[in-house]
Amino acid sequence: MEMLDAIVKASMEDAIDAHNKRNDRIKEDNDWRAKEIEKYQKEIDEDETKLSDIKDKLTNPNFSTEERNFAQRSYDVIADYIQKRREEFERMIKLYTERIRRSVEETEHLNKLYAKLVNSTGI
């Protein structure tokens, strides 16, 4: 009987170790995703600032009408590009946020199951 108890205990310890390693990997993944979200948000903010700066230059009274028209066409192209870029960044932010949320929920659920298992075996 002692041998069976030792085998069960060793198996449980291995399972707990594997569970903890999984949790560590998930935390690392979520930390990486959080950094990516910050990076995307920073890019969005910088793009908005650049666009605002260009828009301000469009009203510069030192520019001729032709120069302002050219600047406006350039602004329109840049604004379209930035809008598409923003949409992609927002999509990635949403995707990473959802993945973080789901992994946290899954981890909490598994932690509860492991706690029940550990408590039921007395390890």
PDB file of N, CA and C in Angstrom:
ATOM      1  N   MET A   1       0.816  -1.195   0.000  1.00  0.00           N
ATOM      2  CA  MET A   1       0.000   0.000   0.000  1.00  0.00           C
ATOM      3  C   MET A   1       0.863   1.265   0.000  1.00  0.00           C
ATOM      4  N   GLU A   2       1.975   1.220   0.721  1.00  0.00           N
ATOM      5  CA  GLU A   2       2.864   2.379   0.749  1.00  0.00           C
ATOM      6  C   GLU A   2       3.408   2.679  -0.636  1.00  0.00           C
ATOM      7  N   MET A   3       3.691   1.627  -1.381  1.00  0.00           N
ATOM      8  CA  MET A   3       4.217   1.810  -2.731  1.00  0.00           C
ATOM      9  C   MET A   3       3.176   2.488  -3.615  1.00  0.00           C
ATOM     10  N   LEU A   4       1.924   2.100  -3.500  1.00  0.00           N
ATOM     11  CA  LEU A   4       0.849   2.716  -4.266  1.00  0.00           C
ATOM     12  C   LEU A   4       0.699   4.182  -3.880  1.00  0.00           C
ATOM     13  N   ASP A   5       0.756   4.481  -2.588  1.00  0.00           N
ATOM     14  CA  ASP A   5       0.689   5.869  -2.125  1.00  0.00           C
ATOM     15  C   ASP A   5       1.839   6.686  -2.698  1.00  0.00           C
ATOM     16  N   ALA A   6       3.036   6.114  -2.716  1.00  0.00           N
ATOM     17  CA  ALA A   6       4.208   6.813  -3.250  1.00  0.00           C
ATOM     18  C   ALA A   6       4.048   7.084  -4.744  1.00  0.00           C
ATOM     19  N   ILE A   7       3.501   6.119  -5.473  1.00  0.00           N
ATOM     20  CA  ILE A   7       3.283   6.293  -6.915  1.00  0.00           C
ATOM     21  C   ILE A   7       2.247   7.381  -7.165  1.00  0.00           C
ATOM     22  N   VAL A   8       1.157   7.343  -6.403  1.00  0.00           N
ATOM     23  CA  VAL A   8       0.107   8.359  -6.553  1.00  0.00           C
ATOM     24  C   VAL A   8       0.665   9.737  -6.221  1.00  0.00           C
ATOM     25  N   LYS A   9       1.423   9.826  -5.136  1.00  0.00           N
ATOM     26  CA  LYS A   9       2.003  11.109  -4.731  1.00  0.00           C
ATOM     27  C   LYS A   9       2.966  11.624  -5.796  1.00  0.00           C
ATOM     28  N   ALA A  10       3.818  10.769  -6.325  1.00  0.00           N
ATOM     29  CA  ALA A  10       4.763  11.180  -7.368  1.00  0.00           C
ATOM     30  C   ALA A  10       4.022  11.627  -8.625  1.00  0.00           C
ATOM     31  N   SER A  11       2.975  10.904  -8.976  1.00  0.00           N
ATOM     32  CA  SER A  11       2.172  11.270 -10.149  1.00  0.00           C
ATOM     33  C   SER A  11       1.507  12.625  -9.951  1.00  0.00           C
ATOM     34  N   MET A  12       0.977  12.852  -8.768  1.00  0.00           N
ATOM     35  CA  MET A  12       0.338  14.133  -8.464  1.00  0.00           C
ATOM     36  C   MET A  12       1.349  15.269  -8.506  1.00  0.00           C
ATOM     37  N   GLU A  13       2.520  15.036  -7.950  1.00  0.00           N
ATOM     38  CA  GLU A  13       3.551  16.071  -7.971  1.00  0.00           C
ATOM     39  C   GLU A  13       3.965  16.390  -9.403  1.00  0.00           C
ATOM     40  N   ASP A  14       4.066  15.368 -10.250  1.00  0.00           N
ATOM     41  CA  ASP A  14       4.374  15.594 -11.666  1.00  0.00           C
ATOM     42  C   ASP A  14       3.267  16.394 -12.342  1.00  0.00           C
ATOM     43  N   ALA A  15       2.021  16.052 -12.029  1.00  0.00           N
ATOM     44  CA  ALA A  15       0.885  16.766 -12.617  1.00  0.00           C
ATOM     45  C   ALA A  15       0.867  18.223 -12.164  1.00  0.00           C
ATOM     46  N   ILE A  16       1.138  18.448 -10.897  1.00  0.00           N
ATOM     47  CA  ILE A  16       1.169  19.819 -10.370  1.00  0.00           C
ATOM     48  C   ILE A  16       2.306  20.598 -11.012  1.00  0.00           C
ATOM     49  N   ASP A  17       3.456  19.967 -11.159  1.00  0.00           N
ATOM     50  CA  ASP A  17       4.597  20.620 -11.803  1.00  0.00           C
ATOM     51  C   ASP A  17       4.255  20.993 -13.247  1.00  0.00           C
ATOM     52  N   ALA A  18       3.638  20.067 -13.973  1.00  0.00           N
ATOM     53  CA  ALA A  18       3.230  20.344 -15.356  1.00  0.00           C
ATOM     54  C   ALA A  18       2.208  21.479 -15.400  1.00  0.00           C
ATOM     55  N   HIS A  19       1.292  21.460 -14.459  1.00  0.00           N
ATOM     56  CA  HIS A  19       0.273  22.515 -14.381  1.00  0.00           C
ATOM     57  C   HIS A  19       0.931  23.872 -14.123  1.00  0.00           C
ATOM     58  N   ASN A  20       1.868  23.923 -13.199  1.00  0.00           N
ATOM     59  CA  ASN A  20       2.557  25.179 -12.900  1.00  0.00           C
ATOM     60  C   ASN A  20       3.363  25.678 -14.094  1.00  0.00           C
ATOM     61  N   LYS A  21       4.010  24.769 -14.813  1.00  0.00           N
ATOM     62  CA  LYS A  21       4.761  25.167 -16.014  1.00  0.00           C
ATOM     63  C   LYS A  21       3.819  25.722 -17.075  1.00  0.00           C
ATOM     64  N   ARG A  22       2.651  25.095 -17.212  1.00  0.00           N
ATOM     65  CA  ARG A  22       1.650  25.592 -18.160  1.00  0.00           C
ATOM     66  C   ARG A  22       1.223  27.005 -17.774  1.00  0.00           C
ATOM     67  N   ASN A  23       0.956  27.209 -16.491  1.00  0.00           N
ATOM     68  CA  ASN A  23       0.570  28.539 -16.020  1.00  0.00           C
ATOM     69  C   ASN A  23       1.662  29.567 -16.306  1.00  0.00           C
ATOM     70  N   ASP A  24       2.916  29.181 -16.112  1.00  0.00           N
ATOM     71  CA  ASP A  24       4.030  30.093 -16.391  1.00  0.00           C
ATOM     72  C   ASP A  24       4.085  30.456 -17.873  1.00  0.00           C
ATOM     73  N   ARG A  25       3.894  29.471 -18.742  1.00  0.00           N
ATOM     74  CA  ARG A  25       3.899  29.737 -20.189  1.00  0.00           C
ATOM     75  C   ARG A  25       2.744  30.661 -20.577  1.00  0.00           C
ATOM     76  N   ILE A  26       1.596  30.408 -19.999  1.00  0.00           N
ATOM     77  CA  ILE A  26       0.440  31.255 -20.297  1.00  0.00           C
ATOM     78  C   ILE A  26       0.697  32.681 -19.831  1.00  0.00           C
ATOM     79  N   LYS A  27       1.284  32.841 -18.656  1.00  0.00           N
ATOM     80  CA  LYS A  27       1.603  34.180 -18.154  1.00  0.00           C
ATOM     81  C   LYS A  27       2.587  34.882 -19.087  1.00  0.00           C
ATOM     82  N   GLU A  28       3.606  34.157 -19.535  1.00  0.00           N
ATOM     83  CA  GLU A  28       4.568  34.743 -20.474  1.00  0.00           C
ATOM     84  C   GLU A  28       3.877  35.158 -21.772  1.00  0.00           C
ATOM     85  N   ASP A  29       3.002  34.298 -22.287  1.00  0.00           N
ATOM     86  CA  ASP A  29       2.259  34.630 -23.507  1.00  0.00           C
ATOM     87  C   ASP A  29       1.394  35.868 -23.296  1.00  0.00           C
ATOM     88  N   ASN A  30       0.705  35.928 -22.172  1.00  0.00           N
ATOM     89  CA  ASN A  30      -0.155  37.076 -21.896  1.00  0.00           C
ATOM     90  C   ASN A  30       0.652  38.352 -21.692  1.00  0.00           C
ATOM     91  N   ASP A  31       1.811  38.240 -21.055  1.00  0.00           N
ATOM     92  CA  ASP A  31       2.684  39.409 -20.906  1.00  0.00           C
ATOM     93  C   ASP A  31       3.123  39.919 -22.278  1.00  0.00           C
ATOM     94  N   TRP A  32       3.472  38.994 -23.174  1.00  0.00           N
ATOM     95  CA  TRP A  32       3.877  39.379 -24.526  1.00  0.00           C
ATOM     96  C   TRP A  32       2.713  40.061 -25.245  1.00  0.00           C
ATOM     97  N   ARG A  33       1.522  39.476 -25.126  1.00  0.00           N
ATOM     98  CA  ARG A  33       0.347  40.074 -25.768  1.00  0.00           C
ATOM     99  C   ARG A  33       0.067  41.468 -25.216  1.00  0.00           C
ATOM    100  N   ALA A  34       0.209  41.635 -23.919  1.00  0.00           N
ATOM    101  CA  ALA A  34      -0.020  42.952 -23.306  1.00  0.00           C
ATOM    102  C   ALA A  34       0.973  43.977 -23.853  1.00  0.00           C
ATOM    103  N   LYS A  35       2.221  43.567 -24.039  1.00  0.00           N
ATOM    104  CA  LYS A  35       3.223  44.478 -24.615  1.00  0.00           C
ATOM    105  C   LYS A  35       2.877  44.823 -26.058  1.00  0.00           C
ATOM    106  N   GLU A  36       2.386  43.844 -26.801  1.00  0.00           N
ATOM    107  CA  GLU A  36       1.973  44.101 -28.180  1.00  0.00           C
ATOM    108  C   GLU A  36       0.799  45.081 -28.212  1.00  0.00           C
ATOM    109  N   ILE A  37      -0.145  44.908 -27.306  1.00  0.00           N
ATOM    110  CA  ILE A  37      -1.282  45.827 -27.231  1.00  0.00           C
ATOM    111  C   ILE A  37      -0.782  47.241 -26.967  1.00  0.00           C
ATOM    112  N   GLU A  38       0.140  47.391 -26.023  1.00  0.00           N
ATOM    113  CA  GLU A  38       0.715  48.708 -25.733  1.00  0.00           C
ATOM    114  C   GLU A  38       1.406  49.283 -26.963  1.00  0.00           C
ATOM    115  N   LYS A  39       2.147  48.438 -27.675  1.00  0.00           N
ATOM    116  CA  LYS A  39       2.857  48.885 -28.873  1.00  0.00           C
ATOM    117  C   LYS A  39       1.870  49.373 -29.929  1.00  0.00           C
ATOM    118  N   TYR A  40       0.810  48.594 -30.158  1.00  0.00           N
ATOM    119  CA  TYR A  40      -0.183  48.992 -31.151  1.00  0.00           C
ATOM    120  C   TYR A  40      -0.872  50.293 -30.746  1.00  0.00           C
ATOM    121  N   GLN A  41      -1.203  50.427 -29.474  1.00  0.00           N
ATOM    122  CA  GLN A  41      -1.861  51.649 -29.017  1.00  0.00           C
ATOM    123  C   GLN A  41      -0.944  52.852 -29.183  1.00  0.00           C
ATOM    124  N   LYS A  42       0.335  52.666 -28.899  1.00  0.00           N
ATOM    125  CA  LYS A  42       1.314  53.747 -29.069  1.00  0.00           C
ATOM    126  C   LYS A  42       1.411  54.144 -30.541  1.00  0.00           C
ATOM    127  N   GLU A  43       1.423  53.161 -31.429  1.00  0.00           N
ATOM    128  CA  GLU A  43       1.471  53.435 -32.871  1.00  0.00           C
ATOM    129  C   GLU A  43       0.238  54.227 -33.309  1.00  0.00           C
ATOM    130  N   ILE A  44      -0.927  53.838 -32.804  1.00  0.00           N
ATOM    131  CA  ILE A  44      -2.158  54.556 -33.142  1.00  0.00           C
ATOM    132  C   ILE A  44      -2.051  56.006 -32.686  1.00  0.00           C
ATOM    133  N   ASP A  45      -1.594  56.217 -31.460  1.00  0.00           N
ATOM    134  CA  ASP A  45      -1.460  57.575 -30.927  1.00  0.00           C
ATOM    135  C   ASP A  45      -0.465  58.396 -31.744  1.00  0.00           C
ATOM    136  N   GLU A  46       0.664  57.790 -32.103  1.00  0.00           N
ATOM    137  CA  GLU A  46       1.672  58.503 -32.895  1.00  0.00           C
ATOM    138  C   GLU A  46       1.132  58.851 -34.280  1.00  0.00           C
ATOM    139  N   ASP A  47       0.403  57.922 -34.887  1.00  0.00           N
ATOM    140  CA  ASP A  47      -0.189  58.195 -36.198  1.00  0.00           C
ATOM    141  C   ASP A  47      -1.164  59.360 -36.125  1.00  0.00           C
ATOM    142  N   GLU A  48      -1.967  59.394 -35.080  1.00  0.00           N
ATOM    143  CA  GLU A  48      -2.923  60.493 -34.925  1.00  0.00           C
ATOM    144  C   GLU A  48      -2.199  61.834 -34.783  1.00  0.00           C
ATOM    145  N   THR A  49      -1.099  61.825 -34.048  1.00  0.00           N
ATOM    146  CA  THR A  49      -0.306  63.049 -33.882  1.00  0.00           C
ATOM    147  C   THR A  49       0.273  63.490 -35.221  1.00  0.00           C
ATOM    148  N   LYS A  50       0.814  62.551 -35.982  1.00  0.00           N
ATOM    149  CA  LYS A  50       1.383  62.877 -37.296  1.00  0.00           C
ATOM    150  C   LYS A  50       0.318  63.451 -38.215  1.00  0.00           C
ATOM    151  N   LEU A  51      -0.838  62.832 -38.209  1.00  0.00           N
ATOM    152  CA  LEU A  51      -1.929  63.295 -39.059  1.00  0.00           C
ATOM    153  C   LEU A  51      -2.364  64.703 -38.662  1.00  0.00           C
ATOM    154  N   SER A  52      -2.426  64.945 -37.390  1.00  0.00           N
ATOM    155  CA  SER A  52      -2.793  66.269 -36.895  1.00  0.00           C
ATOM    156  C   SER A  52      -1.752  67.310 -37.307  1.00  0.00           C
ATOM    157  N   ASP A  53      -0.483  66.938 -37.225  1.00  0.00           N
ATOM    158  CA  ASP A  53       0.589  67.856 -37.632  1.00  0.00           C
ATOM    159  C   ASP A  53       0.479  68.201 -39.117  1.00  0.00           C
ATOM    160  N   ILE A  54       0.211  67.196 -39.932  1.00  0.00           N
ATOM    161  CA  ILE A  54       0.070  67.438 -41.372  1.00  0.00           C
ATOM    162  C   ILE A  54      -1.130  68.335 -41.631  1.00  0.00           C
ATOM    163  N   LYS A  55      -2.222  68.079 -40.947  1.00  0.00           N
ATOM    164  CA  LYS A  55      -3.438  68.882 -41.123  1.00  0.00           C
ATOM    165  C   LYS A  55      -3.164  70.345 -40.760  1.00  0.00           C
ATOM    166  N   ASP A  56      -2.395  70.551 -39.693  1.00  0.00           N
ATOM    167  CA  ASP A  56      -2.048  71.921 -39.301  1.00  0.00           C
ATOM    168  C   ASP A  56      -1.254  72.625 -40.396  1.00  0.00           C
ATOM    169  N   LYS A  57      -0.388  71.896 -41.060  1.00  0.00           N
ATOM    170  CA  LYS A  57       0.440  72.491 -42.111  1.00  0.00           C
ATOM    171  C   LYS A  57      -0.377  72.850 -43.347  1.00  0.00           C
ATOM    172  N   LEU A  58      -1.524  72.219 -43.508  1.00  0.00           N
ATOM    173  CA  LEU A  58      -2.370  72.516 -44.663  1.00  0.00           C
ATOM    174  C   LEU A  58      -2.925  73.935 -44.612  1.00  0.00           C
ATOM    175  N   THR A  59      -2.998  74.484 -43.442  1.00  0.00           N
ATOM    176  CA  THR A  59      -3.556  75.832 -43.293  1.00  0.00           C
ATOM    177  C   THR A  59      -2.475  76.904 -43.244  1.00  0.00           C
ATOM    178  N   ASN A  60      -1.245  76.511 -43.515  1.00  0.00           N
ATOM    179  CA  ASN A  60      -0.129  77.463 -43.484  1.00  0.00           C
ATOM    180  C   ASN A  60      -0.353  78.534 -44.559  1.00  0.00           C
ATOM    181  N   PRO A  61      -0.431  79.802 -44.150  1.00  0.00           N
ATOM    182  CA  PRO A  61      -0.703  80.875 -45.113  1.00  0.00           C
ATOM    183  C   PRO A  61       0.470  81.125 -46.072  1.00  0.00           C
ATOM    184  N   ASN A  62       1.635  80.598 -45.774  1.00  0.00           N
ATOM    185  CA  ASN A  62       2.793  80.802 -46.647  1.00  0.00           C
ATOM    186  C   ASN A  62       2.758  79.894 -47.875  1.00  0.00           C
ATOM    187  N   PHE A  63       1.876  78.906 -47.879  1.00  0.00           N
ATOM    188  CA  PHE A  63       1.771  77.996 -49.022  1.00  0.00           C
ATOM    189  C   PHE A  63       0.850  78.593 -50.075  1.00  0.00           C
ATOM    190  N   SER A  64       1.204  78.362 -51.323  1.00  0.00           N
ATOM    191  CA  SER A  64       0.324  78.789 -52.416  1.00  0.00           C
ATOM    192  C   SER A  64      -0.871  77.833 -52.476  1.00  0.00           C
ATOM    193  N   THR A  65      -1.858  78.217 -53.243  1.00  0.00           N
ATOM    194  CA  THR A  65      -3.036  77.363 -53.409  1.00  0.00           C
ATOM    195  C   THR A  65      -2.633  76.019 -54.001  1.00  0.00           C
ATOM    196  N   GLU A  66      -1.736  76.048 -54.956  1.00  0.00           N
ATOM    197  CA  GLU A  66      -1.267  74.810 -55.583  1.00  0.00           C
ATOM    198  C   GLU A  66      -0.559  73.917 -54.562  1.00  0.00           C
ATOM    199  N   GLU A  67       0.255  74.528 -53.725  1.00  0.00           N
ATOM    200  CA  GLU A  67       0.954  73.749 -52.692  1.00  0.00           C
ATOM    201  C   GLU A  67      -0.032  73.165 -51.675  1.00  0.00           C
ATOM    202  N   ARG A  68      -1.030  73.966 -51.322  1.00  0.00           N
ATOM    203  CA  ARG A  68      -2.029  73.464 -50.378  1.00  0.00           C
ATOM    204  C   ARG A  68      -2.852  72.328 -50.993  1.00  0.00           C
ATOM    205  N   ASN A  69      -3.170  72.452 -52.270  1.00  0.00           N
ATOM    206  CA  ASN A  69      -3.911  71.379 -52.951  1.00  0.00           C
ATOM    207  C   ASN A  69      -3.093  70.089 -52.980  1.00  0.00           C
ATOM    208  N   PHE A  70      -1.805  70.227 -53.276  1.00  0.00           N
ATOM    209  CA  PHE A  70      -0.931  69.055 -53.279  1.00  0.00           C
ATOM    210  C   PHE A  70      -0.850  68.459 -51.872  1.00  0.00           C
ATOM    211  N   ALA A  71      -0.713  69.333 -50.893  1.00  0.00           N
ATOM    212  CA  ALA A  71      -0.641  68.867 -49.503  1.00  0.00           C
ATOM    213  C   ALA A  71      -1.941  68.170 -49.104  1.00  0.00           C
ATOM    214  N   GLN A  72      -3.065  68.686 -49.570  1.00  0.00           N
ATOM    215  CA  GLN A  72      -4.360  68.067 -49.253  1.00  0.00           C
ATOM    216  C   GLN A  72      -4.460  66.676 -49.868  1.00  0.00           C
ATOM    217  N   ARG A  73      -4.036  66.551 -51.136  1.00  0.00           N
ATOM    218  CA  ARG A  73      -4.068  65.226 -51.773  1.00  0.00           C
ATOM    219  C   ARG A  73      -3.152  64.261 -51.021  1.00  0.00           C
ATOM    220  N   SER A  74      -1.985  64.744 -50.635  1.00  0.00           N
ATOM    221  CA  SER A  74      -1.052  63.912 -49.864  1.00  0.00           C
ATOM    222  C   SER A  74      -1.674  63.527 -48.527  1.00  0.00           C
ATOM    223  N   TYR A  75      -2.305  64.495 -47.896  1.00  0.00           N
ATOM    224  CA  TYR A  75      -2.959  64.242 -46.611  1.00  0.00           C
ATOM    225  C   TYR A  75      -4.025  63.160 -46.761  1.00  0.00           C
ATOM    226  N   ASP A  76      -4.811  63.247 -47.826  1.00  0.00           N
ATOM    227  CA  ASP A  76      -5.878  62.263 -48.043  1.00  0.00           C
ATOM    228  C   ASP A  76      -5.312  60.849 -48.181  1.00  0.00           C
ATOM    229  N   VAL A  77      -4.215  60.723 -48.922  1.00  0.00           N
ATOM    230  CA  VAL A  77      -3.582  59.412 -49.100  1.00  0.00           C
ATOM    231  C   VAL A  77      -3.039  58.903 -47.767  1.00  0.00           C
ATOM    232  N   ILE A  78      -2.352  59.782 -47.056  1.00  0.00           N
ATOM    233  CA  ILE A  78      -1.773  59.398 -45.760  1.00  0.00           C
ATOM    234  C   ILE A  78      -2.877  59.062 -44.763  1.00  0.00           C
ATOM    235  N   ALA A  79      -3.933  59.858 -44.754  1.00  0.00           N
ATOM    236  CA  ALA A  79      -5.046  59.613 -43.827  1.00  0.00           C
ATOM    237  C   ALA A  79      -5.695  58.262 -44.111  1.00  0.00           C
ATOM    238  N   ASP A  80      -5.838  57.923 -45.385  1.00  0.00           N
ATOM    239  CA  ASP A  80      -6.415  56.624 -45.744  1.00  0.00           C
ATOM    240  C   ASP A  80      -5.516  55.489 -45.260  1.00  0.00           C
ATOM    241  N   TYR A  81      -4.222  55.646 -45.487  1.00  0.00           N
ATOM    242  CA  TYR A  81      -3.266  54.628 -45.037  1.00  0.00           C
ATOM    243  C   TYR A  81      -3.318  54.474 -43.517  1.00  0.00           C
ATOM    244  N   ILE A  82      -3.306  55.594 -42.814  1.00  0.00           N
ATOM    245  CA  ILE A  82      -3.323  55.555 -41.350  1.00  0.00           C
ATOM    246  C   ILE A  82      -4.626  54.943 -40.845  1.00  0.00           C
ATOM    247  N   GLN A  83      -5.734  55.239 -41.504  1.00  0.00           N
ATOM    248  CA  GLN A  83      -7.018  54.665 -41.096  1.00  0.00           C
ATOM    249  C   GLN A  83      -6.999  53.143 -41.233  1.00  0.00           C
ATOM    250  N   LYS A  84      -6.471  52.656 -42.349  1.00  0.00           N
ATOM    251  CA  LYS A  84      -6.393  51.199 -42.550  1.00  0.00           C
ATOM    252  C   LYS A  84      -5.448  50.566 -41.535  1.00  0.00           C
ATOM    253  N   ARG A  85      -4.353  51.241 -41.282  1.00  0.00           N
ATOM    254  CA  ARG A  85      -3.388  50.756 -40.296  1.00  0.00           C
ATOM    255  C   ARG A  85      -4.028  50.721 -38.909  1.00  0.00           C
ATOM    256  N   ARG A  86      -4.769  51.764 -38.588  1.00  0.00           N
ATOM    257  CA  ARG A  86      -5.455  51.830 -37.293  1.00  0.00           C
ATOM    258  C   ARG A  86      -6.458  50.681 -37.147  1.00  0.00           C
ATOM    259  N   GLU A  87      -7.217  50.434 -38.205  1.00  0.00           N
ATOM    260  CA  GLU A  87      -8.192  49.338 -38.164  1.00  0.00           C
ATOM    261  C   GLU A  87      -7.499  48.002 -37.903  1.00  0.00           C
ATOM    262  N   GLU A  88      -6.362  47.781 -38.553  1.00  0.00           N
ATOM    263  CA  GLU A  88      -5.621  46.536 -38.338  1.00  0.00           C
ATOM    264  C   GLU A  88      -5.098  46.464 -36.904  1.00  0.00           C
ATOM    265  N   PHE A  89      -4.555  47.568 -36.403  1.00  0.00           N
ATOM    266  CA  PHE A  89      -4.054  47.589 -35.026  1.00  0.00           C
ATOM    267  C   PHE A  89      -5.189  47.358 -34.033  1.00  0.00           C
ATOM    268  N   GLU A  90      -6.325  47.983 -34.264  1.00  0.00           N
ATOM    269  CA  GLU A  90      -7.464  47.790 -33.363  1.00  0.00           C
ATOM    270  C   GLU A  90      -7.962  46.346 -33.406  1.00  0.00           C
ATOM    271  N   ARG A  91      -7.907  45.732 -34.586  1.00  0.00           N
ATOM    272  CA  ARG A  91      -8.290  44.326 -34.708  1.00  0.00           C
ATOM    273  C   ARG A  91      -7.333  43.458 -33.891  1.00  0.00           C
ATOM    274  N   MET A  92      -6.040  43.742 -33.973  1.00  0.00           N
ATOM    275  CA  MET A  92      -5.050  42.969 -33.223  1.00  0.00           C
ATOM    276  C   MET A  92      -5.215  43.194 -31.717  1.00  0.00           C
ATOM    277  N   ILE A  93      -5.482  44.425 -31.319  1.00  0.00           N
ATOM    278  CA  ILE A  93      -5.704  44.721 -29.902  1.00  0.00           C
ATOM    279  C   ILE A  93      -6.897  43.915 -29.391  1.00  0.00           C
ATOM    280  N   LYS A  94      -7.966  43.912 -30.162  1.00  0.00           N
ATOM    281  CA  LYS A  94      -9.165  43.158 -29.771  1.00  0.00           C
ATOM    282  C   LYS A  94      -8.856  41.663 -29.685  1.00  0.00           C
ATOM    283  N   LEU A  95      -8.141  41.146 -30.674  1.00  0.00           N
ATOM    284  CA  LEU A  95      -7.784  39.730 -30.697  1.00  0.00           C
ATOM    285  C   LEU A  95      -6.928  39.358 -29.490  1.00  0.00           C
ATOM    286  N   TYR A  96      -5.883  40.134 -29.216  1.00  0.00           N
ATOM    287  CA  TYR A  96      -4.998  39.838 -28.082  1.00  0.00           C
ATOM    288  C   TYR A  96      -5.728  39.990 -26.751  1.00  0.00           C
ATOM    289  N   THR A  97      -6.572  40.993 -26.647  1.00  0.00           N
ATOM    290  CA  THR A  97      -7.338  41.189 -25.416  1.00  0.00           C
ATOM    291  C   THR A  97      -8.247  39.990 -25.162  1.00  0.00           C
ATOM    292  N   GLU A  98      -8.891  39.509 -26.214  1.00  0.00           N
ATOM    293  CA  GLU A  98      -9.771  38.341 -26.081  1.00  0.00           C
ATOM    294  C   GLU A  98      -8.973  37.096 -25.708  1.00  0.00           C
ATOM    295  N   ARG A  99      -7.821  36.922 -26.314  1.00  0.00           N
ATOM    296  CA  ARG A  99      -6.992  35.755 -25.978  1.00  0.00           C
ATOM    297  C   ARG A  99      -6.525  35.807 -24.524  1.00  0.00           C
ATOM    298  N   ILE A 100      -6.153  36.973 -24.065  1.00  0.00           N
ATOM    299  CA  ILE A 100      -5.745  37.119 -22.662  1.00  0.00           C
ATOM    300  C   ILE A 100      -6.920  36.774 -21.752  1.00  0.00           C
ATOM    301  N   ARG A 101      -8.086  37.330 -22.055  1.00  0.00           N
ATOM    302  CA  ARG A 101      -9.276  37.083 -21.232  1.00  0.00           C
ATOM    303  C   ARG A 101      -9.592  35.589 -21.166  1.00  0.00           C
ATOM    304  N   ARG A 102      -9.594  34.935 -22.328  1.00  0.00           N
ATOM    305  CA  ARG A 102      -9.904  33.499 -22.357  1.00  0.00           C
ATOM    306  C   ARG A 102      -8.868  32.683 -21.604  1.00  0.00           C
ATOM    307  N   SER A 103      -7.601  33.003 -21.771  1.00  0.00           N
ATOM    308  CA  SER A 103      -6.566  32.214 -21.095  1.00  0.00           C
ATOM    309  C   SER A 103      -6.640  32.402 -19.585  1.00  0.00           C
ATOM    310  N   VAL A 104      -6.990  33.599 -19.140  1.00  0.00           N
ATOM    311  CA  VAL A 104      -7.148  33.834 -17.703  1.00  0.00           C
ATOM    312  C   VAL A 104      -8.315  33.004 -17.172  1.00  0.00           C
ATOM    313  N   GLU A 105      -9.434  33.007 -17.895  1.00  0.00           N
ATOM    314  CA  GLU A 105     -10.588  32.204 -17.467  1.00  0.00           C
ATOM    315  C   GLU A 105     -10.250  30.718 -17.435  1.00  0.00           C
ATOM    316  N   GLU A 106      -9.583  30.232 -18.475  1.00  0.00           N
ATOM    317  CA  GLU A 106      -9.212  28.814 -18.525  1.00  0.00           C
ATOM    318  C   GLU A 106      -8.259  28.456 -17.393  1.00  0.00           C
ATOM    319  N   THR A 107      -7.296  29.325 -17.140  1.00  0.00           N
ATOM    320  CA  THR A 107      -6.325  29.069 -16.076  1.00  0.00           C
ATOM    321  C   THR A 107      -7.011  29.043 -14.718  1.00  0.00           C
ATOM    322  N   GLU A 108      -7.917  29.991 -14.481  1.00  0.00           N
ATOM    323  CA  GLU A 108      -8.645  29.996 -13.211  1.00  0.00           C
ATOM    324  C   GLU A 108      -9.444  28.706 -13.042  1.00  0.00           C
ATOM    325  N   HIS A 109     -10.087  28.264 -14.111  1.00  0.00           N
ATOM    326  CA  HIS A 109     -10.876  27.027 -14.055  1.00  0.00           C
ATOM    327  C   HIS A 109      -9.969  25.826 -13.759  1.00  0.00           C
ATOM    328  N   LEU A 110      -8.853  25.733 -14.468  1.00  0.00           N
ATOM    329  CA  LEU A 110      -7.931  24.616 -14.232  1.00  0.00           C
ATOM    330  C   LEU A 110      -7.325  24.672 -12.835  1.00  0.00           C
ATOM    331  N   ASN A 111      -7.036  25.876 -12.357  1.00  0.00           N
ATOM    332  CA  ASN A 111      -6.498  26.001 -10.996  1.00  0.00           C
ATOM    333  C   ASN A 111      -7.491  25.469  -9.963  1.00  0.00           C
ATOM    334  N   LYS A 112      -8.766  25.758 -10.177  1.00  0.00           N
ATOM    335  CA  LYS A 112      -9.790  25.247  -9.258  1.00  0.00           C
ATOM    336  C   LYS A 112      -9.852  23.725  -9.306  1.00  0.00           C
ATOM    337  N   LEU A 113      -9.786  23.177 -10.518  1.00  0.00           N
ATOM    338  CA  LEU A 113      -9.808  21.716 -10.652  1.00  0.00           C
ATOM    339  C   LEU A 113      -8.593  21.082  -9.985  1.00  0.00           C
ATOM    340  N   TYR A 114      -7.426  21.664 -10.183  1.00  0.00           N
ATOM    341  CA  TYR A 114      -6.218  21.127  -9.552  1.00  0.00           C
ATOM    342  C   TYR A 114      -6.283  21.250  -8.035  1.00  0.00           C
ATOM    343  N   ALA A 115      -6.842  22.355  -7.558  1.00  0.00           N
ATOM    344  CA  ALA A 115      -6.973  22.510  -6.105  1.00  0.00           C
ATOM    345  C   ALA A 115      -7.877  21.419  -5.535  1.00  0.00           C
ATOM    346  N   LYS A 116      -8.986  21.139  -6.222  1.00  0.00           N
ATOM    347  CA  LYS A 116      -9.870  20.054  -5.772  1.00  0.00           C
ATOM    348  C   LYS A 116      -9.146  18.722  -5.793  1.00  0.00           C
ATOM    349  N   LEU A 117      -8.395  18.485  -6.853  1.00  0.00           N
ATOM    350  CA  LEU A 117      -7.660  17.229  -6.978  1.00  0.00           C
ATOM    351  C   LEU A 117      -6.627  17.082  -5.873  1.00  0.00           C
ATOM    352  N   VAL A 118      -5.879  18.139  -5.631  1.00  0.00           N
ATOM    353  CA  VAL A 118      -4.853  18.098  -4.584  1.00  0.00           C
ATOM    354  C   VAL A 118      -5.500  17.900  -3.219  1.00  0.00           C
ATOM    355  N   ASN A 119      -6.573  18.624  -2.965  1.00  0.00           N
ATOM    356  CA  ASN A 119      -7.254  18.495  -1.671  1.00  0.00           C
ATOM    357  C   ASN A 119      -7.851  17.103  -1.480  1.00  0.00           C
ATOM    358  N   SER A 120      -8.329  16.520  -2.567  1.00  0.00           N
ATOM    359  CA  SER A 120      -8.942  15.193  -2.441  1.00  0.00           C
ATOM    360  C   SER A 120      -7.907  14.092  -2.226  1.00  0.00           C
ATOM    361  N   THR A 121      -6.678  14.333  -2.664  1.00  0.00           N
ATOM    362  CA  THR A 121      -5.636  13.309  -2.492  1.00  0.00           C
ATOM    363  C   THR A 121      -4.802  13.551  -1.249  1.00  0.00           C
ATOM    364  N   GLY A 122      -4.934  14.731  -0.664  1.00  0.00           N
ATOM    365  CA  GLY A 122      -4.190  15.030   0.560  1.00  0.00           C
ATOM    366  C   GLY A 122      -2.728  15.363   0.332  1.00  0.00           C
ATOM    367  N   ILE A 123      -2.356  15.695  -0.890  1.00  0.00           N
ATOM    368  CA  ILE A 123      -0.951  16.025  -1.183  1.00  0.00           C
ATOM    369  C   ILE A 123      -0.717  17.494  -0.964  1.00  0.00           C
TER     370      ILE A 123
END
